[in-house]
Amino acid sequence: MAPTFTTFTEEHEALRSTLRRFLSDKAPSEAVRRSMESEEGHDPELGRRMAAQLGLHGIALPEEYGGFGGGPVELGIVLEELGRVLLPSPYFATVALAGQALTASGDDTAKARWLPGIADGSLSGTLALAEAGGSWRVEDVTASATRAEKGDTGWRVSGTKMFVVDGHSADLLLVTARADTGPGLYAVDGAATGVTRSRLEALDPTRRLARIDLDGVPAVRVGPDGDATAYLRTVVDLVAVALAAEQVGGAQACLDAAVRYARIRVQFGRPIGSFQAVKHKCADMLLQVEAARSAAYRAMSVAAGEPDELPVSAALAAAYCADAFTHAAKENIQIHGGIGYTWEHDAHLYLKRAKSSEQLFGSPAAHRARLADLVGI
């Protein structure tokens, strides 16, 4: 069992500062907008630099598969910084979704086959869980319309998955499906015959979603045999913690932007930040952002070394960080006033990311309901 961290080390802070400088130079607002409007939806060259120069793709992967031996804490630091700038990138889908699912699988064959490619940036991946109903609950996989059947030549998967992050371009699709023995996870080649991928119209232009139709597609079972519900729950909890860290970064960026504007915007001969109503807004934002950061950091710590506590910490962080990000994004627009509603200003991009992330892998209400069940309320 990995030790639980109580504070960030010098290495953690060095990772954060290095990445922040890198993103400040390579991913300013203008570059983010170019990437989100491009055909790929991201900057492939920037992704290659993130993998080759900074080693970010292997940051949370085991050393024996080309990674750096980190875990949820290191990954959370990276995602927090990426969330600050709303970087359009398949990094979240590849590393936080596919990478963590493979690492947690206990399947040495699957890890050896796919993790080295994720670590060096040559392989992209994602996790396909939700279907037409939009539910991200693992329990719903048992009633999933996506089926896995084993024949003489191996597994084949059929069904439809919705809202798959970067599913339109991922090389590796990790698909949840039900078999006669229970729910499980299956690896599918994104370019295989029988796979049809369609981009969905998404609220957030910086993160692309897809519909994936599978028609008898060859697949490889990943993780434990039989009923893999417990494993899948762990994967979704790890993803929720990663998303919470990203949301903290976005919420902090909104707070910083609001405070910065309140200092320079002058009305009636005074900066608007001197007005009591604006002060209260900023103070409330600060309180929520710091509380969200505490929840996310605690969840990262638990994910790294206290697996028994992960379900509670993940549900708490997921609910609180989603609400905090949305609140900060809305207040940022309010403090900016008219300019905050324009396309040219980035405030609307943060609100769109916040509202979209709110629904990924469960709404705040769904996570609060799960938290209540876990603690016996």
Protein backbone atom coordinates (compact mmCIF):
# COMPACT_ATOMS: atom_id res chain seq x y z
CA MET A 1 0.00 0.00 0.00
CA ALA A 2 1.36 3.42 -0.93
CA PRO A 3 1.76 5.94 1.91
CA THR A 4 -0.83 8.67 2.25
CA PHE A 5 0.66 12.08 1.64
CA THR A 6 0.06 14.85 4.20
CA THR A 7 1.64 17.71 2.27
CA PHE A 8 3.15 18.26 -1.14
CA THR A 9 6.85 17.50 -1.43
CA GLU A 10 9.47 19.62 -3.17
CA GLU A 11 9.16 17.28 -6.15
CA HIS A 12 5.41 17.89 -6.28
CA GLU A 13 5.87 21.64 -6.20
CA ALA A 14 8.57 21.44 -8.86
CA LEU A 15 6.19 19.47 -11.09
CA ARG A 16 3.49 22.08 -10.58
CA SER A 17 5.73 25.08 -11.26
CA THR A 18 7.35 23.48 -14.30
CA LEU A 19 4.01 22.58 -15.83
CA ARG A 20 2.55 26.02 -15.08
CA ARG A 21 5.44 27.71 -16.86
CA PHE A 22 5.12 25.31 -19.77
CA LEU A 23 1.41 25.94 -20.16
CA SER A 24 1.79 29.69 -19.75
CA ASP A 25 4.20 29.64 -22.68
CA LYS A 26 2.60 26.98 -24.89
CA ALA A 27 -1.11 27.21 -24.07
CA PRO A 28 -2.23 30.82 -23.69
CA SER A 29 -5.86 31.68 -24.42
CA GLU A 30 -5.18 32.24 -28.12
CA ALA A 31 -3.63 28.79 -28.50
CA VAL A 32 -6.48 27.15 -26.60
CA ARG A 33 -9.01 28.72 -28.94
CA ARG A 34 -7.07 27.66 -32.02
CA SER A 35 -6.90 24.11 -30.74
CA MET A 36 -10.57 23.81 -29.85
CA GLU A 37 -11.59 25.13 -33.27
CA SER A 38 -9.21 22.89 -35.21
CA GLU A 39 -10.20 19.67 -36.94
CA GLU A 40 -8.35 17.55 -34.37
CA GLY A 41 -9.76 19.49 -31.43
CA HIS A 42 -6.31 19.72 -29.85
CA ASP A 43 -2.68 20.50 -30.69
CA PRO A 44 -0.93 17.19 -31.51
CA GLU A 45 2.52 18.76 -31.30
CA LEU A 46 1.82 20.09 -27.82
CA GLY A 47 0.67 16.61 -26.81
CA ARG A 48 3.91 15.11 -28.07
CA ARG A 49 5.90 17.63 -26.05
CA MET A 50 3.87 16.88 -22.95
CA ALA A 51 4.72 13.21 -23.32
CA ALA A 52 8.32 13.39 -24.52
CA GLN A 53 9.69 16.49 -22.79
CA LEU A 54 7.73 16.50 -19.53
CA GLY A 55 6.82 12.83 -19.24
CA LEU A 56 3.27 13.71 -18.24
CA HIS A 57 1.63 10.70 -19.88
CA GLY A 58 3.62 8.33 -17.71
CA ILE A 59 3.42 10.36 -14.51
CA ALA A 60 0.93 8.02 -12.80
CA LEU A 61 1.92 4.74 -14.48
CA PRO A 62 4.13 1.98 -13.04
CA GLU A 63 7.82 2.13 -13.88
CA GLU A 64 7.85 -1.39 -15.32
CA TYR A 65 5.56 -0.18 -18.12
CA GLY A 66 7.50 2.96 -18.97
CA GLY A 67 5.91 5.25 -16.40
CA PHE A 68 7.39 7.26 -13.55
CA GLY A 69 5.77 5.35 -10.70
CA GLY A 70 3.53 8.14 -9.47
CA GLY A 71 -0.15 7.88 -8.72
CA PRO A 72 -3.33 9.87 -8.10
CA VAL A 73 -1.50 12.68 -6.28
CA GLU A 74 0.89 13.39 -9.15
CA LEU A 75 -1.87 12.97 -11.71
CA GLY A 76 -4.08 15.34 -9.73
CA ILE A 77 -1.41 18.03 -9.79
CA VAL A 78 -1.13 17.73 -13.57
CA LEU A 79 -4.89 17.82 -14.09
CA GLU A 80 -5.30 20.82 -11.79
CA GLU A 81 -2.85 22.77 -13.93
CA LEU A 82 -4.45 21.61 -17.19
CA GLY A 83 -7.83 22.65 -15.78
CA ARG A 84 -6.55 26.14 -15.05
CA VAL A 85 -6.04 26.78 -18.77
CA LEU A 86 -8.86 24.59 -20.14
CA LEU A 87 -6.34 22.77 -22.31
CA PRO A 88 -8.09 20.90 -25.16
CA SER A 89 -6.26 17.60 -25.05
CA PRO A 90 -6.88 13.85 -25.09
CA TYR A 91 -4.74 13.69 -21.94
CA PHE A 92 -7.68 13.35 -19.56
CA ALA A 93 -9.27 10.54 -21.56
CA THR A 94 -5.99 8.73 -22.16
CA VAL A 95 -4.29 9.00 -18.78
CA ALA A 96 -7.04 9.68 -16.23
CA LEU A 97 -9.57 7.33 -17.83
CA ALA A 98 -7.83 4.58 -19.82
CA GLY A 99 -4.52 4.72 -17.96
CA GLN A 100 -6.02 4.48 -14.51
CA ALA A 101 -8.46 1.76 -15.59
CA LEU A 102 -5.62 -0.38 -16.91
CA THR A 103 -3.35 0.28 -13.92
CA ALA A 104 -6.10 -0.68 -11.45
CA SER A 105 -7.08 -3.80 -13.40
CA GLY A 106 -4.56 -6.19 -11.93
CA ASP A 107 -4.31 -7.60 -15.45
CA ASP A 108 -0.58 -7.89 -16.16
CA THR A 109 -1.14 -8.89 -19.78
CA ALA A 110 -3.34 -5.88 -20.50
CA LYS A 111 -0.96 -3.53 -18.72
CA ALA A 112 2.05 -4.81 -20.63
CA ARG A 113 0.16 -4.52 -23.91
CA TRP A 114 -1.17 -0.97 -23.62
CA LEU A 115 0.46 1.02 -20.82
CA PRO A 116 3.85 1.54 -22.55
CA GLY A 117 2.09 3.21 -25.48
CA ILE A 118 0.15 5.49 -23.13
CA ALA A 119 3.35 6.33 -21.24
CA ASP A 120 5.29 7.41 -24.33
CA GLY A 121 2.34 9.23 -25.89
CA SER A 122 2.01 6.98 -28.92
CA LEU A 123 -1.36 5.51 -27.85
CA SER A 124 -4.53 7.40 -26.98
CA GLY A 125 -7.41 5.82 -25.13
CA THR A 126 -10.68 6.45 -23.32
CA LEU A 127 -13.33 4.81 -21.17
CA ALA A 128 -16.85 4.20 -22.54
CA LEU A 129 -19.37 3.76 -19.74
CA ALA A 130 -22.60 5.74 -20.20
CA GLU A 131 -25.34 4.83 -22.65
CA ALA A 132 -28.43 6.54 -24.01
CA GLY A 133 -29.92 7.00 -20.54
CA GLY A 134 -26.90 9.07 -19.51
CA SER A 135 -26.24 7.16 -16.29
CA TRP A 136 -22.66 6.78 -15.10
CA ARG A 137 -23.56 4.41 -12.25
CA VAL A 138 -21.62 1.17 -12.32
CA GLU A 139 -24.72 -0.65 -11.12
CA ASP A 140 -26.45 0.23 -14.38
CA VAL A 141 -23.88 -1.75 -16.35
CA THR A 142 -25.61 -4.89 -15.12
CA ALA A 143 -28.69 -3.77 -17.05
CA SER A 144 -26.64 -2.38 -19.92
CA ALA A 145 -27.77 -2.81 -23.49
CA THR A 146 -24.11 -3.30 -24.43
CA ARG A 147 -23.37 -7.02 -24.42
CA ALA A 148 -20.18 -9.05 -24.47
CA GLU A 149 -20.34 -12.61 -25.77
CA LYS A 150 -17.54 -15.15 -25.85
CA GLY A 151 -17.20 -17.41 -28.87
CA ASP A 152 -14.61 -19.71 -30.36
CA THR A 153 -12.47 -16.77 -31.49
CA GLY A 154 -12.76 -14.73 -28.29
CA TRP A 155 -14.96 -11.92 -27.00
CA ARG A 156 -17.19 -9.74 -29.16
CA VAL A 157 -19.01 -6.63 -28.00
CA SER A 158 -22.20 -5.06 -29.35
CA GLY A 159 -24.07 -1.96 -28.21
CA THR A 160 -23.97 1.82 -28.11
CA LYS A 161 -22.00 4.08 -25.79
CA MET A 162 -22.70 7.78 -25.37
CA PHE A 163 -20.81 10.85 -24.15
CA VAL A 164 -17.44 9.15 -24.56
CA VAL A 165 -14.66 11.66 -23.89
CA ASP A 166 -12.49 11.93 -27.02
CA GLY A 167 -14.13 8.76 -28.26
CA HIS A 168 -14.09 10.02 -31.84
CA SER A 169 -10.30 9.73 -32.04
CA ALA A 170 -9.07 7.37 -29.30
CA ASP A 171 -6.96 4.43 -30.45
CA LEU A 172 -8.08 2.23 -27.56
CA LEU A 173 -11.66 2.03 -26.33
CA LEU A 174 -12.23 0.50 -22.90
CA VAL A 175 -15.90 -0.44 -22.98
CA THR A 176 -18.07 -1.57 -20.10
CA ALA A 177 -20.46 -4.36 -21.07
CA ARG A 178 -22.42 -7.15 -19.47
CA ALA A 179 -21.78 -10.81 -20.06
CA ASP A 180 -23.49 -13.90 -18.71
CA THR A 181 -21.08 -13.83 -15.76
CA GLY A 182 -21.71 -10.16 -14.95
CA PRO A 183 -20.41 -6.71 -15.92
CA GLY A 184 -16.84 -6.27 -17.11
CA LEU A 185 -14.44 -4.10 -19.06
CA TYR A 186 -13.41 -4.87 -22.64
CA ALA A 187 -10.65 -3.39 -24.77
CA VAL A 188 -11.60 -2.56 -28.35
CA ASP A 189 -9.45 -1.22 -31.19
CA GLY A 190 -10.97 2.11 -32.18
CA ALA A 191 -10.28 1.37 -35.85
CA ALA A 192 -11.74 -2.15 -35.82
CA THR A 193 -14.43 -3.26 -38.25
CA GLY A 194 -17.82 -2.82 -36.63
CA VAL A 195 -16.90 0.34 -34.71
CA THR A 196 -18.81 3.47 -35.78
CA ARG A 197 -17.87 6.72 -34.10
CA SER A 198 -19.80 9.98 -34.29
CA ARG A 199 -18.95 13.31 -32.71
CA LEU A 200 -21.69 14.75 -30.53
CA GLU A 201 -22.63 18.40 -30.28
CA ALA A 202 -21.21 19.28 -26.89
CA LEU A 203 -21.69 22.32 -24.66
CA ASP A 204 -17.97 22.51 -23.92
CA PRO A 205 -15.94 23.29 -27.08
CA THR A 206 -12.68 22.41 -25.30
CA ARG A 207 -13.66 18.77 -24.63
CA ARG A 208 -15.12 16.59 -27.36
CA LEU A 209 -17.64 13.82 -26.78
CA ALA A 210 -18.66 10.98 -29.05
CA ARG A 211 -21.21 8.28 -29.65
CA ILE A 212 -19.74 4.84 -30.29
CA ASP A 213 -21.72 2.05 -31.95
CA LEU A 214 -20.31 -1.46 -31.67
CA ASP A 215 -21.51 -4.30 -33.86
CA GLY A 216 -19.92 -7.63 -32.94
CA VAL A 217 -16.51 -6.01 -32.50
CA PRO A 218 -13.60 -8.23 -31.40
CA ALA A 219 -12.61 -7.38 -27.84
CA VAL A 220 -10.18 -8.37 -25.09
CA ARG A 221 -11.41 -8.78 -21.54
CA VAL A 222 -9.54 -6.49 -19.11
CA GLY A 223 -9.44 -6.98 -15.37
CA PRO A 224 -10.97 -9.70 -13.21
CA ASP A 225 -13.07 -12.50 -14.66
CA GLY A 226 -16.69 -12.94 -13.71
CA ASP A 227 -18.53 -10.09 -12.01
CA ALA A 228 -16.17 -7.08 -12.15
CA THR A 229 -18.50 -4.63 -10.38
CA ALA A 230 -16.05 -3.90 -7.55
CA TYR A 231 -13.22 -3.22 -9.99
CA LEU A 232 -15.40 -0.94 -12.12
CA ARG A 233 -16.48 1.01 -9.04
CA THR A 234 -12.83 1.59 -8.16
CA VAL A 235 -12.13 2.84 -11.68
CA VAL A 236 -15.04 5.29 -11.59
CA ASP A 237 -13.95 6.54 -8.15
CA LEU A 238 -10.41 7.14 -9.43
CA VAL A 239 -11.81 9.02 -12.41
CA ALA A 240 -14.04 11.12 -10.14
CA VAL A 241 -11.01 12.13 -8.06
CA ALA A 242 -9.07 13.07 -11.20
CA LEU A 243 -11.97 15.15 -12.51
CA ALA A 244 -12.30 16.88 -9.13
CA ALA A 245 -8.66 17.96 -9.32
CA GLU A 246 -9.23 19.39 -12.79
CA GLN A 247 -12.32 21.24 -11.56
CA VAL A 248 -10.30 22.84 -8.76
CA GLY A 249 -7.88 24.22 -11.35
CA GLY A 250 -10.74 25.70 -13.36
CA ALA A 251 -12.38 27.18 -10.26
CA GLN A 252 -9.10 28.79 -9.18
CA ALA A 253 -8.66 30.32 -12.64
CA CYS A 254 -12.16 31.84 -12.39
CA LEU A 255 -11.40 33.27 -8.95
CA ASP A 256 -8.09 34.73 -10.14
CA ALA A 257 -9.75 36.30 -13.19
CA ALA A 258 -12.56 37.81 -11.12
CA VAL A 259 -10.20 39.31 -8.52
CA ARG A 260 -7.87 40.63 -11.21
CA TYR A 261 -10.73 42.36 -13.02
CA ALA A 262 -12.20 43.74 -9.78
CA ARG A 263 -8.89 45.49 -9.13
CA ILE A 264 -8.65 47.22 -12.50
CA ARG A 265 -12.29 47.93 -13.42
CA VAL A 266 -13.19 51.42 -12.22
CA GLN A 267 -16.71 52.74 -11.63
CA PHE A 268 -17.63 56.01 -9.94
CA GLY A 269 -13.94 56.74 -9.58
CA ARG A 270 -13.19 53.57 -7.61
CA PRO A 271 -12.13 50.01 -8.45
CA ILE A 272 -15.21 47.78 -8.27
CA GLY A 273 -13.29 45.51 -5.93
CA SER A 274 -13.76 48.17 -3.24
CA PHE A 275 -17.55 47.77 -3.36
CA GLN A 276 -18.95 45.62 -0.59
CA ALA A 277 -21.13 43.48 -2.88
CA VAL A 278 -18.14 42.57 -5.07
CA LYS A 279 -15.99 41.90 -2.01
CA HIS A 280 -18.59 39.49 -0.72
CA LYS A 281 -18.74 37.66 -4.06
CA CYS A 282 -14.97 37.26 -4.16
CA ALA A 283 -14.80 36.15 -0.51
CA ASP A 284 -17.51 33.56 -1.09
CA MET A 285 -15.71 32.29 -4.19
CA LEU A 286 -12.47 32.00 -2.23
CA LEU A 287 -14.18 30.02 0.52
CA GLN A 288 -15.72 27.56 -1.93
CA VAL A 289 -12.56 27.15 -4.00
CA GLU A 290 -10.41 26.47 -0.94
CA ALA A 291 -12.95 24.00 0.45
CA ALA A 292 -13.05 22.25 -2.93
CA ARG A 293 -9.26 22.12 -3.01
CA SER A 294 -9.22 20.49 0.43
CA ALA A 295 -11.78 17.90 -0.69
CA ALA A 296 -9.86 17.13 -3.90
CA TYR A 297 -6.47 16.90 -2.18
CA ARG A 298 -7.87 14.62 0.49
CA ALA A 299 -9.41 12.40 -2.17
CA MET A 300 -6.10 12.29 -4.06
CA SER A 301 -4.35 11.24 -0.86
CA VAL A 302 -6.92 8.54 -0.14
CA ALA A 303 -6.76 7.23 -3.71
CA ALA A 304 -2.99 6.90 -3.33
CA GLY A 305 -2.98 4.91 -0.10
CA GLU A 306 -6.34 4.27 1.56
CA PRO A 307 -8.48 2.22 -0.86
CA ASP A 308 -11.09 1.41 1.79
CA GLU A 309 -11.85 5.12 2.18
CA LEU A 310 -11.88 5.88 -1.54
CA PRO A 311 -15.66 5.61 -2.21
CA VAL A 312 -16.55 8.20 0.44
CA SER A 313 -13.74 10.62 -0.41
CA ALA A 314 -14.37 10.34 -4.15
CA ALA A 315 -18.10 11.00 -3.81
CA LEU A 316 -17.49 13.98 -1.52
CA ALA A 317 -14.85 15.52 -3.79
CA ALA A 318 -16.90 14.91 -6.94
CA ALA A 319 -19.98 16.62 -5.53
CA TYR A 320 -18.24 19.57 -3.91
CA CYS A 321 -15.70 20.37 -6.62
CA ALA A 322 -18.32 20.32 -9.37
CA ASP A 323 -20.52 22.76 -7.47
CA ALA A 324 -17.58 25.01 -6.58
CA PHE A 325 -16.38 25.22 -10.19
CA THR A 326 -19.82 26.08 -11.51
CA HIS A 327 -20.34 28.70 -8.79
CA ALA A 328 -16.95 30.30 -9.47
CA ALA A 329 -17.55 30.33 -13.23
CA LYS A 330 -20.94 32.03 -12.81
CA GLU A 331 -19.63 34.61 -10.36
CA ASN A 332 -16.68 35.35 -12.63
CA ILE A 333 -19.10 36.32 -15.39
CA GLN A 334 -21.18 38.43 -13.00
CA ILE A 335 -18.15 40.36 -11.73
CA HIS A 336 -16.97 41.00 -15.28
CA GLY A 337 -20.39 42.37 -16.21
CA GLY A 338 -21.19 42.88 -19.88
CA ILE A 339 -17.76 41.90 -21.19
CA GLY A 340 -18.06 38.55 -19.40
CA TYR A 341 -20.93 37.57 -21.71
CA THR A 342 -19.00 38.10 -24.93
CA TRP A 343 -17.47 35.41 -27.12
CA GLU A 344 -14.13 37.19 -27.06
CA HIS A 345 -13.80 36.79 -23.28
CA ASP A 346 -12.81 33.40 -21.85
CA ALA A 347 -15.35 33.53 -19.01
CA HIS A 348 -17.97 31.65 -21.01
CA LEU A 349 -15.49 28.86 -21.83
CA TYR A 350 -14.96 28.21 -18.12
CA LEU A 351 -18.71 28.13 -17.48
CA LYS A 352 -19.22 25.67 -20.34
CA ARG A 353 -16.44 23.42 -19.04
CA ALA A 354 -17.89 23.65 -15.53
CA LYS A 355 -21.42 22.72 -16.58
CA SER A 356 -20.20 19.92 -18.83
CA SER A 357 -17.91 18.49 -16.16
CA GLU A 358 -20.80 18.63 -13.69
CA GLN A 359 -22.45 15.79 -15.58
CA LEU A 360 -19.41 13.67 -16.39
CA PHE A 361 -19.31 10.45 -14.34
CA GLY A 362 -22.29 11.52 -12.25
CA SER A 363 -23.97 14.78 -11.29
CA PRO A 364 -23.33 16.40 -7.90
CA ALA A 365 -26.78 15.22 -6.79
CA ALA A 366 -25.93 11.64 -7.77
CA HIS A 367 -22.66 11.77 -5.86
CA ARG A 368 -24.36 13.24 -2.79
CA ALA A 369 -26.96 10.47 -2.90
CA ARG A 370 -24.19 7.87 -3.10
CA LEU A 371 -22.33 9.56 -0.25
CA ALA A 372 -25.46 9.42 1.88
CA ASP A 373 -25.82 5.71 1.17
CA LEU A 374 -22.16 5.06 1.98
CA VAL A 375 -22.33 6.77 5.37
CA GLY A 376 -25.73 5.31 6.20
CA ILE A 377 -27.88 8.44 6.08
